[in-house]
Amino acid sequence: MDLQKGIERNLRFLSRKPDNGIAAKYGRSQITWGMLKRTNEEMLSLLPLLEESPELLEERFVWFSMSPRTLLTGYYEPYLEASLVPHPDYPYPLYSIPHDLQTLDLGKFHHRWKGQSLIYRQENGEVQPYYDRADIDFDGALQDKGLEIAWVKDLVDVFILQIQGSGRLVLPDGSVKHVLYAGKNGLKYVSLGKVLIERGLLPKEGMSMQKIKAFLDANPDMVKELLTTNPSYVFFRLDDEGPFGSMGSPLTPMASVAVDNKVLPLGSLALLTTRLPQQEERSKIPFAKIVMAQDRGGAIKGTRVDLFCGSGPEAEYLAGHLTSWSHVYLPVSRAFLEEQEIAIAE
């Protein structure tokens, strides 16, 4: 049922695209939006039949392997203790998009810059990079501007929320509010995990978000120095629903993935085969599932795929420990390909 809803969301997104428009190019080959739409339509029609007739997947689709191999990571919705009003127990703000943050479409100036943008601010008539993490979290660059949407207990939780892109705020009365990605400051994302490894503070083996958080909790005097190694900063909005991916539709746990849409277009289906870490057994188990490209991520480049793991403790563990080399296979409707060949021949 979840996959059905996800594919229906794909189709709503793809219906707004021109059938002959190019969604992605691979050398001389290309994927059109029409190809993606037809593939989703056929997969949707087959879902009720696959449990008894899995061979239909091979009969009805041609499967292309993504190359080179795919690095699979994970993300999730963290829970944060928060307040919607200022309170001494919740000293760290979450900010909405600042009014002075500007975005420039560089593609308007040169075709080589198509798809690229510049995020900036103006100061004394000059263009400047937008404020970085040190400016915002430690020097108060956004204080007293009416941008706060909530306040949380732990600054490290704010940092983790920004990496994940969305989360859930647990308010003092026990109610829950979704906090969703709204924008960023445009500065380079730097992995704190890599920084800790390069400085010899944590070993590369077994690196996880849980180990990073434990290290920061145990070394509060290093929090400012380490967090500010990542100048990238994310802004949020509140909602009663979520989380939403880059297509503007809800994400499906363990089926939606974040991708580099230049490699794997939004709305694509894929078969993901990998091994997932298990908390109790301290081992990995095989995993094979049809997934949907429904989100993007600033750190997701090339063939890397980021699996949305959901929310709660199990999702947190999986997302924090998931780093697996995996295989991704893209299905394309055989009927569509045959029709295209006939059209070319005619």
C-alpha atoms as a PDB file:
ATOM      1  CA  MET A   1       0.000   0.000   0.000  1.00  0.00           C
ATOM      2  CA  ASP A   2       2.833   2.426   0.861  1.00  0.00           C
ATOM      3  CA  LEU A   3       4.535   1.709  -2.463  1.00  0.00           C
ATOM      4  CA  GLN A   4       1.236   2.250  -4.253  1.00  0.00           C
ATOM      5  CA  LYS A   5       0.796   5.670  -2.660  1.00  0.00           C
ATOM      6  CA  GLY A   6       4.403   6.558  -3.430  1.00  0.00           C
ATOM      7  CA  ILE A   7       4.074   5.632  -7.111  1.00  0.00           C
ATOM      8  CA  GLU A   8       0.845   7.628  -7.336  1.00  0.00           C
ATOM      9  CA  ARG A   9       2.804  10.623  -5.980  1.00  0.00           C
ATOM     10  CA  ASN A  10       5.473   9.989  -8.631  1.00  0.00           C
ATOM     11  CA  LEU A  11       2.821  10.064 -11.326  1.00  0.00           C
ATOM     12  CA  ARG A  12       1.351  13.337 -10.086  1.00  0.00           C
ATOM     13  CA  PHE A  13       4.842  14.847 -10.275  1.00  0.00           C
ATOM     14  CA  LEU A  14       5.615  13.352 -13.699  1.00  0.00           C
ATOM     15  CA  SER A  15       2.260  14.427 -15.162  1.00  0.00           C
ATOM     16  CA  ARG A  16       3.501  18.016 -14.946  1.00  0.00           C
ATOM     17  CA  LYS A  17       6.569  17.233 -17.081  1.00  0.00           C
ATOM     18  CA  PRO A  18       6.716  17.184 -20.919  1.00  0.00           C
ATOM     19  CA  ASP A  19       6.796  13.572 -22.168  1.00  0.00           C
ATOM     20  CA  ASN A  20       9.636  14.304 -24.608  1.00  0.00           C
ATOM     21  CA  GLY A  21      11.623  16.378 -22.122  1.00  0.00           C
ATOM     22  CA  ILE A  22      15.010  14.968 -21.100  1.00  0.00           C
ATOM     23  CA  ALA A  23      15.129  13.983 -17.417  1.00  0.00           C
ATOM     24  CA  ALA A  24      18.762  12.755 -17.441  1.00  0.00           C
ATOM     25  CA  LYS A  25      21.582  11.946 -19.834  1.00  0.00           C
ATOM     26  CA  TYR A  26      24.121   9.110 -19.659  1.00  0.00           C
ATOM     27  CA  GLY A  27      26.629   9.672 -22.444  1.00  0.00           C
ATOM     28  CA  ARG A  28      24.656   9.147 -25.661  1.00  0.00           C
ATOM     29  CA  SER A  29      21.716   7.633 -23.809  1.00  0.00           C
ATOM     30  CA  GLN A  30      18.971   9.624 -22.166  1.00  0.00           C
ATOM     31  CA  ILE A  31      15.899   9.231 -19.994  1.00  0.00           C
ATOM     32  CA  THR A  32      12.747  11.162 -20.852  1.00  0.00           C
ATOM     33  CA  TRP A  33       9.958  12.143 -18.502  1.00  0.00           C
ATOM     34  CA  GLY A  34       7.592  10.111 -20.649  1.00  0.00           C
ATOM     35  CA  MET A  35       9.743   7.017 -20.125  1.00  0.00           C
ATOM     36  CA  LEU A  36       9.599   7.503 -16.358  1.00  0.00           C
ATOM     37  CA  LYS A  37       5.851   8.097 -16.434  1.00  0.00           C
ATOM     38  CA  ARG A  38       5.151   4.950 -18.475  1.00  0.00           C
ATOM     39  CA  THR A  39       7.389   2.851 -16.217  1.00  0.00           C
ATOM     40  CA  ASN A  40       5.592   4.102 -13.088  1.00  0.00           C
ATOM     41  CA  GLU A  41       2.190   3.416 -14.663  1.00  0.00           C
ATOM     42  CA  GLU A  42       3.119  -0.160 -15.506  1.00  0.00           C
ATOM     43  CA  MET A  43       4.656  -0.808 -12.090  1.00  0.00           C
ATOM     44  CA  LEU A  44       1.509   0.521 -10.424  1.00  0.00           C
ATOM     45  CA  SER A  45      -0.679  -1.828 -12.480  1.00  0.00           C
ATOM     46  CA  LEU A  46       1.520  -4.824 -11.558  1.00  0.00           C
ATOM     47  CA  LEU A  47       1.685  -4.287  -7.782  1.00  0.00           C
ATOM     48  CA  PRO A  48      -1.329  -6.506  -6.968  1.00  0.00           C
ATOM     49  CA  LEU A  49       0.182  -9.341  -9.037  1.00  0.00           C
ATOM     50  CA  LEU A  50       3.821  -9.341  -7.933  1.00  0.00           C
ATOM     51  CA  GLU A  51       3.504 -11.439  -4.796  1.00  0.00           C
ATOM     52  CA  GLU A  52       2.235 -14.431  -6.778  1.00  0.00           C
ATOM     53  CA  SER A  53       4.001 -13.609 -10.066  1.00  0.00           C
ATOM     54  CA  PRO A  54       7.354 -11.882  -9.406  1.00  0.00           C
ATOM     55  CA  GLU A  55       8.544 -12.998 -12.856  1.00  0.00           C
ATOM     56  CA  LEU A  56       6.450 -10.161 -14.280  1.00  0.00           C
ATOM     57  CA  LEU A  57       9.194  -7.752 -13.238  1.00  0.00           C
ATOM     58  CA  GLU A  58      11.555  -9.346 -15.747  1.00  0.00           C
ATOM     59  CA  GLU A  59       8.894  -9.804 -18.399  1.00  0.00           C
ATOM     60  CA  ARG A  60       7.598  -6.240 -18.358  1.00  0.00           C
ATOM     61  CA  PHE A  61      10.762  -4.218 -17.695  1.00  0.00           C
ATOM     62  CA  VAL A  62      14.328  -3.876 -18.943  1.00  0.00           C
ATOM     63  CA  TRP A  63      16.667  -3.366 -15.979  1.00  0.00           C
ATOM     64  CA  PHE A  64      19.739  -1.121 -16.242  1.00  0.00           C
ATOM     65  CA  SER A  65      22.447  -1.284 -13.601  1.00  0.00           C
ATOM     66  CA  MET A  66      23.691   2.008 -12.203  1.00  0.00           C
ATOM     67  CA  SER A  67      27.457   2.242 -12.579  1.00  0.00           C
ATOM     68  CA  PRO A  68      29.809   2.653 -10.818  1.00  0.00           C
ATOM     69  CA  ARG A  69      28.608   0.950  -7.651  1.00  0.00           C
ATOM     70  CA  THR A  70      26.314   2.860  -5.329  1.00  0.00           C
ATOM     71  CA  LEU A  71      27.079   4.052  -1.814  1.00  0.00           C
ATOM     72  CA  LEU A  72      23.933   3.758   0.288  1.00  0.00           C
ATOM     73  CA  THR A  73      23.488   5.943   3.359  1.00  0.00           C
ATOM     74  CA  GLY A  74      20.416   6.804   5.403  1.00  0.00           C
ATOM     75  CA  TYR A  75      18.534   9.720   6.916  1.00  0.00           C
ATOM     76  CA  TYR A  76      15.634   9.953   9.348  1.00  0.00           C
ATOM     77  CA  GLU A  77      13.320  12.277  11.269  1.00  0.00           C
ATOM     78  CA  PRO A  78      14.889  13.080  14.656  1.00  0.00           C
ATOM     79  CA  TYR A  79      12.740  13.982  17.657  1.00  0.00           C
ATOM     80  CA  LEU A  80      13.694  17.199  19.477  1.00  0.00           C
ATOM     81  CA  GLU A  81      12.402  18.510  22.793  1.00  0.00           C
ATOM     82  CA  ALA A  82      11.182  21.993  21.933  1.00  0.00           C
ATOM     83  CA  SER A  83       8.995  24.965  22.764  1.00  0.00           C
ATOM     84  CA  LEU A  84       7.115  27.310  20.443  1.00  0.00           C
ATOM     85  CA  VAL A  85       7.673  30.195  22.872  1.00  0.00           C
ATOM     86  CA  PRO A  86      10.928  31.409  24.477  1.00  0.00           C
ATOM     87  CA  HIS A  87      11.818  29.569  27.693  1.00  0.00           C
ATOM     88  CA  PRO A  88      15.058  29.261  29.699  1.00  0.00           C
ATOM     89  CA  ASP A  89      14.974  25.467  29.323  1.00  0.00           C
ATOM     90  CA  TYR A  90      14.972  25.816  25.515  1.00  0.00           C
ATOM     91  CA  PRO A  91      17.769  28.274  24.682  1.00  0.00           C
ATOM     92  CA  TYR A  92      18.578  27.348  21.066  1.00  0.00           C
ATOM     93  CA  PRO A  93      16.399  28.764  18.255  1.00  0.00           C
ATOM     94  CA  LEU A  94      15.352  27.254  14.951  1.00  0.00           C
ATOM     95  CA  TYR A  95      15.158  29.934  12.267  1.00  0.00           C
ATOM     96  CA  SER A  96      12.921  30.492   9.255  1.00  0.00           C
ATOM     97  CA  ILE A  97      14.409  31.784   5.994  1.00  0.00           C
ATOM     98  CA  PRO A  98      15.866  35.265   6.654  1.00  0.00           C
ATOM     99  CA  HIS A  99      14.397  38.207   4.769  1.00  0.00           C
ATOM    100  CA  ASP A 100      17.815  39.339   3.534  1.00  0.00           C
ATOM    101  CA  LEU A 101      18.796  35.965   2.044  1.00  0.00           C
ATOM    102  CA  GLN A 102      18.839  36.342  -1.738  1.00  0.00           C
ATOM    103  CA  THR A 103      19.114  33.729  -4.510  1.00  0.00           C
ATOM    104  CA  LEU A 104      20.469  34.446  -8.000  1.00  0.00           C
ATOM    105  CA  ASP A 105      19.885  32.084 -10.939  1.00  0.00           C
ATOM    106  CA  LEU A 106      23.318  31.951 -12.571  1.00  0.00           C
ATOM    107  CA  GLY A 107      21.913  30.185 -15.625  1.00  0.00           C
ATOM    108  CA  LYS A 108      20.450  33.504 -16.736  1.00  0.00           C
ATOM    109  CA  PHE A 109      23.980  34.824 -17.257  1.00  0.00           C
ATOM    110  CA  HIS A 110      25.664  31.906 -19.062  1.00  0.00           C
ATOM    111  CA  HIS A 111      24.520  28.527 -20.347  1.00  0.00           C
ATOM    112  CA  ARG A 112      27.475  26.844 -18.622  1.00  0.00           C
ATOM    113  CA  TRP A 113      25.931  27.795 -15.281  1.00  0.00           C
ATOM    114  CA  LYS A 114      22.505  26.334 -16.026  1.00  0.00           C
ATOM    115  CA  GLY A 115      21.018  24.829 -12.891  1.00  0.00           C
ATOM    116  CA  GLN A 116      23.434  26.665 -10.583  1.00  0.00           C
ATOM    117  CA  SER A 117      22.485  29.406  -8.172  1.00  0.00           C
ATOM    118  CA  LEU A 118      24.203  31.846  -5.855  1.00  0.00           C
ATOM    119  CA  ILE A 119      22.872  32.455  -2.348  1.00  0.00           C
ATOM    120  CA  TYR A 120      24.011  35.768  -0.883  1.00  0.00           C
ATOM    121  CA  ARG A 121      23.237  38.892   1.136  1.00  0.00           C
ATOM    122  CA  GLN A 122      24.029  42.541   0.543  1.00  0.00           C
ATOM    123  CA  GLU A 123      26.017  44.661   2.956  1.00  0.00           C
ATOM    124  CA  ASN A 124      26.714  48.330   2.241  1.00  0.00           C
ATOM    125  CA  GLY A 125      25.760  47.742  -1.379  1.00  0.00           C
ATOM    126  CA  GLU A 126      28.188  44.818  -1.804  1.00  0.00           C
ATOM    127  CA  VAL A 127      27.338  41.164  -2.383  1.00  0.00           C
ATOM    128  CA  GLN A 128      28.543  38.937   0.472  1.00  0.00           C
ATOM    129  CA  PRO A 129      28.268  35.203   1.269  1.00  0.00           C
ATOM    130  CA  TYR A 130      25.392  34.570   3.632  1.00  0.00           C
ATOM    131  CA  TYR A 131      26.155  34.213   7.349  1.00  0.00           C
ATOM    132  CA  ASP A 132      27.760  30.904   8.284  1.00  0.00           C
ATOM    133  CA  ARG A 133      27.161  28.636  11.276  1.00  0.00           C
ATOM    134  CA  ALA A 134      29.571  30.527  13.519  1.00  0.00           C
ATOM    135  CA  ASP A 135      27.860  33.824  12.687  1.00  0.00           C
ATOM    136  CA  ILE A 136      24.370  32.457  13.372  1.00  0.00           C
ATOM    137  CA  ASP A 137      24.764  30.073  16.296  1.00  0.00           C
ATOM    138  CA  PHE A 138      27.545  31.791  18.214  1.00  0.00           C
ATOM    139  CA  ASP A 139      27.661  35.452  17.145  1.00  0.00           C
ATOM    140  CA  GLY A 140      23.911  36.139  17.034  1.00  0.00           C
ATOM    141  CA  ALA A 141      23.706  37.271  13.408  1.00  0.00           C
ATOM    142  CA  LEU A 142      19.958  36.489  13.241  1.00  0.00           C
ATOM    143  CA  GLN A 143      18.917  37.460  16.750  1.00  0.00           C
ATOM    144  CA  ASP A 144      16.060  39.955  17.284  1.00  0.00           C
ATOM    145  CA  LYS A 145      14.857  39.711  13.670  1.00  0.00           C
ATOM    146  CA  GLY A 146      11.665  37.780  14.398  1.00  0.00           C
ATOM    147  CA  LEU A 147      12.890  34.679  12.562  1.00  0.00           C
ATOM    148  CA  GLU A 148      12.601  32.164  15.411  1.00  0.00           C
ATOM    149  CA  ILE A 149       9.953  29.476  14.816  1.00  0.00           C
ATOM    150  CA  ALA A 150      10.818  27.314  17.858  1.00  0.00           C
ATOM    151  CA  TRP A 151      13.420  26.813  20.565  1.00  0.00           C
ATOM    152  CA  VAL A 152      15.103  23.514  21.518  1.00  0.00           C
ATOM    153  CA  LYS A 153      17.121  22.188  24.453  1.00  0.00           C
ATOM    154  CA  ASP A 154      20.304  21.033  22.750  1.00  0.00           C
ATOM    155  CA  LEU A 155      22.422  22.802  20.125  1.00  0.00           C
ATOM    156  CA  VAL A 156      23.809  19.467  18.918  1.00  0.00           C
ATOM    157  CA  ASP A 157      20.233  18.381  18.218  1.00  0.00           C
ATOM    158  CA  VAL A 158      19.838  21.496  16.028  1.00  0.00           C
ATOM    159  CA  PHE A 159      22.971  20.467  14.121  1.00  0.00           C
ATOM    160  CA  ILE A 160      21.667  16.911  13.614  1.00  0.00           C
ATOM    161  CA  LEU A 161      18.265  18.217  12.528  1.00  0.00           C
ATOM    162  CA  GLN A 162      19.964  20.314   9.866  1.00  0.00           C
ATOM    163  CA  ILE A 163      21.828  17.289   8.538  1.00  0.00           C
ATOM    164  CA  GLN A 164      18.628  15.220   8.368  1.00  0.00           C
ATOM    165  CA  GLY A 165      16.588  18.053   6.833  1.00  0.00           C
ATOM    166  CA  SER A 166      13.383  17.544   8.823  1.00  0.00           C
ATOM    167  CA  GLY A 167      12.211  16.291  12.179  1.00  0.00           C
ATOM    168  CA  ARG A 168       9.514  16.313  14.831  1.00  0.00           C
ATOM    169  CA  LEU A 169       9.311  18.741  17.736  1.00  0.00           C
ATOM    170  CA  VAL A 170       8.004  17.264  20.975  1.00  0.00           C
ATOM    171  CA  LEU A 171       6.411  20.164  22.842  1.00  0.00           C
ATOM    172  CA  PRO A 172       6.057  20.508  26.659  1.00  0.00           C
ATOM    173  CA  ASP A 173       2.385  19.439  26.555  1.00  0.00           C
ATOM    174  CA  GLY A 174       3.317  16.244  24.695  1.00  0.00           C
ATOM    175  CA  SER A 175       1.997  17.355  21.301  1.00  0.00           C
ATOM    176  CA  VAL A 176       4.165  16.963  18.209  1.00  0.00           C
ATOM    177  CA  LYS A 177       4.865  19.426  15.401  1.00  0.00           C
ATOM    178  CA  HIS A 178       6.673  18.694  12.160  1.00  0.00           C
ATOM    179  CA  VAL A 179       9.653  20.911  11.378  1.00  0.00           C
ATOM    180  CA  LEU A 180      10.542  20.879   7.681  1.00  0.00           C
ATOM    181  CA  TYR A 181      13.386  22.069   5.464  1.00  0.00           C
ATOM    182  CA  ALA A 182      12.791  25.547   4.030  1.00  0.00           C
ATOM    183  CA  GLY A 183      16.179  26.662   2.671  1.00  0.00           C
ATOM    184  CA  LYS A 184      19.899  26.989   3.341  1.00  0.00           C
ATOM    185  CA  ASN A 185      22.657  29.578   3.446  1.00  0.00           C
ATOM    186  CA  GLY A 186      24.407  28.257   0.333  1.00  0.00           C
ATOM    187  CA  LEU A 187      27.777  27.542   1.946  1.00  0.00           C
ATOM    188  CA  LYS A 188      29.671  24.279   1.503  1.00  0.00           C
ATOM    189  CA  TYR A 189      28.585  21.294   3.571  1.00  0.00           C
ATOM    190  CA  VAL A 190      31.459  19.778   5.561  1.00  0.00           C
ATOM    191  CA  SER A 191      31.036  16.347   7.156  1.00  0.00           C
ATOM    192  CA  LEU A 192      31.730  16.480  10.888  1.00  0.00           C
ATOM    193  CA  GLY A 193      32.388  12.748  10.842  1.00  0.00           C
ATOM    194  CA  LYS A 194      35.264  13.258   8.397  1.00  0.00           C
ATOM    195  CA  VAL A 195      36.626  16.108  10.527  1.00  0.00           C
ATOM    196  CA  LEU A 196      36.657  13.899  13.630  1.00  0.00           C
ATOM    197  CA  ILE A 197      38.411  11.115  11.730  1.00  0.00           C
ATOM    198  CA  GLU A 198      41.013  13.452  10.183  1.00  0.00           C
ATOM    199  CA  ARG A 199      41.811  14.924  13.607  1.00  0.00           C
ATOM    200  CA  GLY A 200      42.192  11.472  15.149  1.00  0.00           C
ATOM    201  CA  LEU A 201      39.331  12.077  17.571  1.00  0.00           C
ATOM    202  CA  LEU A 202      37.231   9.102  16.402  1.00  0.00           C
ATOM    203  CA  PRO A 203      38.159   6.023  14.360  1.00  0.00           C
ATOM    204  CA  LYS A 204      36.825   5.624  10.834  1.00  0.00           C
ATOM    205  CA  GLU A 205      35.668   2.100  11.602  1.00  0.00           C
ATOM    206  CA  GLY A 206      32.164   2.073  13.015  1.00  0.00           C
ATOM    207  CA  MET A 207      31.618   5.808  12.512  1.00  0.00           C
ATOM    208  CA  SER A 208      27.980   6.771  13.088  1.00  0.00           C
ATOM    209  CA  MET A 209      25.825   9.745  14.040  1.00  0.00           C
ATOM    210  CA  GLN A 210      25.373   8.183  17.474  1.00  0.00           C
ATOM    211  CA  LYS A 211      29.143   8.146  18.048  1.00  0.00           C
ATOM    212  CA  ILE A 212      29.449  11.756  16.885  1.00  0.00           C
ATOM    213  CA  LYS A 213      26.712  12.871  19.295  1.00  0.00           C
ATOM    214  CA  ALA A 214      28.223  10.866  22.168  1.00  0.00           C
ATOM    215  CA  PHE A 215      31.617  12.486  21.533  1.00  0.00           C
ATOM    216  CA  LEU A 216      30.126  15.989  21.528  1.00  0.00           C
ATOM    217  CA  ASP A 217      28.129  15.264  24.698  1.00  0.00           C
ATOM    218  CA  ALA A 218      31.323  14.071  26.394  1.00  0.00           C
ATOM    219  CA  ASN A 219      33.379  17.059  25.183  1.00  0.00           C
ATOM    220  CA  PRO A 220      31.200  20.184  25.556  1.00  0.00           C
ATOM    221  CA  ASP A 221      34.272  22.434  25.427  1.00  0.00           C
ATOM    222  CA  MET A 222      34.856  21.308  21.807  1.00  0.00           C
ATOM    223  CA  VAL A 223      31.286  21.738  20.564  1.00  0.00           C
ATOM    224  CA  LYS A 224      31.698  25.265  19.194  1.00  0.00           C
ATOM    225  CA  GLU A 225      34.977  24.534  17.430  1.00  0.00           C
ATOM    226  CA  LEU A 226      33.707  21.302  15.870  1.00  0.00           C
ATOM    227  CA  LEU A 227      30.227  22.428  14.826  1.00  0.00           C
ATOM    228  CA  THR A 228      31.597  25.508  13.092  1.00  0.00           C
ATOM    229  CA  THR A 229      33.810  23.376  10.843  1.00  0.00           C
ATOM    230  CA  ASN A 230      30.576  22.956   8.859  1.00  0.00           C
ATOM    231  CA  PRO A 231      29.579  26.459   7.644  1.00  0.00           C
ATOM    232  CA  SER A 232      26.406  25.179   5.945  1.00  0.00           C
ATOM    233  CA  TYR A 233      23.211  26.198   7.734  1.00  0.00           C
ATOM    234  CA  VAL A 234      19.595  25.098   7.192  1.00  0.00           C
ATOM    235  CA  PHE A 235      16.397  27.070   7.806  1.00  0.00           C
ATOM    236  CA  PHE A 236      13.019  25.527   8.639  1.00  0.00           C
ATOM    237  CA  ARG A 237       9.258  25.897   8.666  1.00  0.00           C
ATOM    238  CA  LEU A 238       6.574  24.319  10.845  1.00  0.00           C
ATOM    239  CA  ASP A 239       3.792  22.090   9.550  1.00  0.00           C
ATOM    240  CA  ASP A 240       1.186  19.636  10.805  1.00  0.00           C
ATOM    241  CA  GLU A 241       2.251  17.056   8.204  1.00  0.00           C
ATOM    242  CA  GLY A 242       5.518  15.746   6.865  1.00  0.00           C
ATOM    243  CA  PRO A 243       8.192  15.043   6.021  1.00  0.00           C
ATOM    244  CA  PHE A 244       8.074  16.182   2.397  1.00  0.00           C
ATOM    245  CA  GLY A 245      10.656  15.450  -0.281  1.00  0.00           C
ATOM    246  CA  SER A 246      11.858  17.648  -3.116  1.00  0.00           C
ATOM    247  CA  MET A 247       8.829  16.690  -5.225  1.00  0.00           C
ATOM    248  CA  GLY A 248       6.620  18.388  -2.626  1.00  0.00           C
ATOM    249  CA  SER A 249       4.957  15.134  -1.549  1.00  0.00           C
ATOM    250  CA  PRO A 250       5.261  13.020   1.624  1.00  0.00           C
ATOM    251  CA  LEU A 251       8.150  10.571   1.903  1.00  0.00           C
ATOM    252  CA  THR A 252       7.619   6.833   2.427  1.00  0.00           C
ATOM    253  CA  PRO A 253       9.831   5.206   5.111  1.00  0.00           C
ATOM    254  CA  MET A 254      12.171   2.541   3.714  1.00  0.00           C
ATOM    255  CA  ALA A 255      11.029   3.267   0.146  1.00  0.00           C
ATOM    256  CA  SER A 256      11.767   6.930  -0.609  1.00  0.00           C
ATOM    257  CA  VAL A 257      15.366   7.834  -1.416  1.00  0.00           C
ATOM    258  CA  ALA A 258      17.261  11.088  -1.808  1.00  0.00           C
ATOM    259  CA  VAL A 259      19.379  11.257  -4.950  1.00  0.00           C
ATOM    260  CA  ASP A 260      21.467  13.462  -7.189  1.00  0.00           C
ATOM    261  CA  ASN A 261      18.705  14.226  -9.677  1.00  0.00           C
ATOM    262  CA  LYS A 262      21.246  14.775 -12.458  1.00  0.00           C
ATOM    263  CA  VAL A 263      22.027  11.055 -12.182  1.00  0.00           C
ATOM    264  CA  LEU A 264      18.693   9.630 -11.030  1.00  0.00           C
ATOM    265  CA  PRO A 265      15.763  11.942 -11.861  1.00  0.00           C
ATOM    266  CA  LEU A 266      13.018  12.634  -9.352  1.00  0.00           C
ATOM    267  CA  GLY A 267      10.082  10.323 -10.024  1.00  0.00           C
ATOM    268  CA  SER A 268      12.337   7.379 -10.972  1.00  0.00           C
ATOM    269  CA  LEU A 269      11.789   3.861  -9.703  1.00  0.00           C
ATOM    270  CA  ALA A 270      14.718   1.600  -8.856  1.00  0.00           C
ATOM    271  CA  LEU A 271      15.444  -1.798  -7.404  1.00  0.00           C
ATOM    272  CA  LEU A 272      17.816  -1.430  -4.461  1.00  0.00           C
ATOM    273  CA  THR A 273      19.765  -4.443  -3.232  1.00  0.00           C
ATOM    274  CA  THR A 274      22.027  -4.130  -0.222  1.00  0.00           C
ATOM    275  CA  ARG A 275      22.649  -5.295   3.363  1.00  0.00           C
ATOM    276  CA  LEU A 276      21.214  -3.351   6.301  1.00  0.00           C
ATOM    277  CA  PRO A 277      22.783  -3.163   9.780  1.00  0.00           C
ATOM    278  CA  GLN A 278      20.817  -4.755  12.620  1.00  0.00           C
ATOM    279  CA  GLN A 279      21.088  -3.274  16.097  1.00  0.00           C
ATOM    280  CA  GLU A 280      20.479  -6.404  18.144  1.00  0.00           C
ATOM    281  CA  GLU A 281      22.543  -8.916  16.167  1.00  0.00           C
ATOM    282  CA  ARG A 282      25.339  -6.444  15.316  1.00  0.00           C
ATOM    283  CA  SER A 283      25.228  -7.886  11.816  1.00  0.00           C
ATOM    284  CA  LYS A 284      23.790  -7.091   8.395  1.00  0.00           C
ATOM    285  CA  ILE A 285      20.843  -8.705   6.649  1.00  0.00           C
ATOM    286  CA  PRO A 286      19.974  -8.740   2.925  1.00  0.00           C
ATOM    287  CA  PHE A 287      17.534  -6.089   1.702  1.00  0.00           C
ATOM    288  CA  ALA A 288      15.945  -5.847  -1.744  1.00  0.00           C
ATOM    289  CA  LYS A 289      13.107  -3.462  -2.529  1.00  0.00           C
ATOM    290  CA  ILE A 290      11.644  -1.171  -5.166  1.00  0.00           C
ATOM    291  CA  VAL A 291      12.477   2.382  -4.083  1.00  0.00           C
ATOM    292  CA  MET A 292      11.423   5.794  -5.377  1.00  0.00           C
ATOM    293  CA  ALA A 293      13.619   8.843  -6.068  1.00  0.00           C
ATOM    294  CA  GLN A 294      11.571  11.501  -4.280  1.00  0.00           C
ATOM    295  CA  ASP A 295      14.093  13.741  -2.537  1.00  0.00           C
ATOM    296  CA  ARG A 296      17.406  15.524  -3.017  1.00  0.00           C
ATOM    297  CA  GLY A 297      20.222  16.220  -0.572  1.00  0.00           C
ATOM    298  CA  GLY A 298      23.037  18.759  -0.555  1.00  0.00           C
ATOM    299  CA  ALA A 299      25.602  16.057   0.187  1.00  0.00           C
ATOM    300  CA  ILE A 300      24.132  13.497  -2.242  1.00  0.00           C
ATOM    301  CA  LYS A 301      26.329  13.550  -5.340  1.00  0.00           C
ATOM    302  CA  GLY A 302      26.842  11.134  -8.211  1.00  0.00           C
ATOM    303  CA  THR A 303      25.441   7.641  -7.740  1.00  0.00           C
ATOM    304  CA  ARG A 304      25.123   7.895  -3.953  1.00  0.00           C
ATOM    305  CA  VAL A 305      21.625   7.130  -2.647  1.00  0.00           C
ATOM    306  CA  ASP A 306      20.219   8.174   0.760  1.00  0.00           C
ATOM    307  CA  LEU A 307      17.427   5.950   2.126  1.00  0.00           C
ATOM    308  CA  PHE A 308      14.702   7.627   4.202  1.00  0.00           C
ATOM    309  CA  CYS A 309      14.468   5.379   7.267  1.00  0.00           C
ATOM    310  CA  GLY A 310      11.468   6.998   8.980  1.00  0.00           C
ATOM    311  CA  SER A 311      11.345   8.200  12.595  1.00  0.00           C
ATOM    312  CA  GLY A 312      11.908   6.707  16.035  1.00  0.00           C
ATOM    313  CA  PRO A 313      14.795   4.798  17.669  1.00  0.00           C
ATOM    314  CA  GLU A 314      15.062   2.050  15.026  1.00  0.00           C
ATOM    315  CA  ALA A 315      15.151   4.586  12.204  1.00  0.00           C
ATOM    316  CA  GLU A 316      17.755   6.632  14.078  1.00  0.00           C
ATOM    317  CA  TYR A 317      19.980   3.579  14.544  1.00  0.00           C
ATOM    318  CA  LEU A 318      19.654   2.465  10.933  1.00  0.00           C
ATOM    319  CA  ALA A 319      20.269   5.928   9.464  1.00  0.00           C
ATOM    320  CA  GLY A 320      23.213   6.507  11.775  1.00  0.00           C
ATOM    321  CA  HIS A 321      24.939   3.234  10.898  1.00  0.00           C
ATOM    322  CA  LEU A 322      23.973   2.736   7.260  1.00  0.00           C
ATOM    323  CA  THR A 323      26.987   2.928   4.980  1.00  0.00           C
ATOM    324  CA  SER A 324      26.814   0.083   2.486  1.00  0.00           C
ATOM    325  CA  TRP A 325      27.970  -0.494  -1.053  1.00  0.00           C
ATOM    326  CA  SER A 326      24.830  -1.427  -2.919  1.00  0.00           C
ATOM    327  CA  HIS A 327      23.406  -2.141  -6.346  1.00  0.00           C
ATOM    328  CA  VAL A 328      20.725  -0.034  -8.008  1.00  0.00           C
ATOM    329  CA  TYR A 329      18.830  -1.202 -11.099  1.00  0.00           C
ATOM    330  CA  LEU A 330      16.598   1.143 -13.086  1.00  0.00           C
ATOM    331  CA  PRO A 331      13.503  -0.405 -14.708  1.00  0.00           C
ATOM    332  CA  VAL A 332      12.228   0.814 -18.068  1.00  0.00           C
ATOM    333  CA  SER A 333       8.978  -0.366 -19.609  1.00  0.00           C
ATOM    334  CA  ARG A 334       9.666  -2.928 -22.375  1.00  0.00           C
ATOM    335  CA  ALA A 335       6.491  -1.849 -24.147  1.00  0.00           C
ATOM    336  CA  PHE A 336       7.662   1.753 -24.136  1.00  0.00           C
ATOM    337  CA  LEU A 337      11.058   0.820 -25.596  1.00  0.00           C
ATOM    338  CA  GLU A 338       9.432  -1.331 -28.288  1.00  0.00           C
ATOM    339  CA  GLU A 339       7.075   1.502 -29.235  1.00  0.00           C
ATOM    340  CA  GLN A 340      10.011   3.910 -29.469  1.00  0.00           C
ATOM    341  CA  GLU A 341      11.891   1.539 -31.784  1.00  0.00           C
ATOM    342  CA  ILE A 342       8.839   1.255 -34.039  1.00  0.00           C
ATOM    343  CA  ALA A 343       8.445   5.013 -34.111  1.00  0.00           C
ATOM    344  CA  ILE A 344      12.104   5.483 -35.081  1.00  0.00           C
ATOM    345  CA  ALA A 345      11.830   2.838 -37.807  1.00  0.00           C
ATOM    346  CA  GLU A 346       8.778   4.530 -39.267  1.00  0.00           C
END
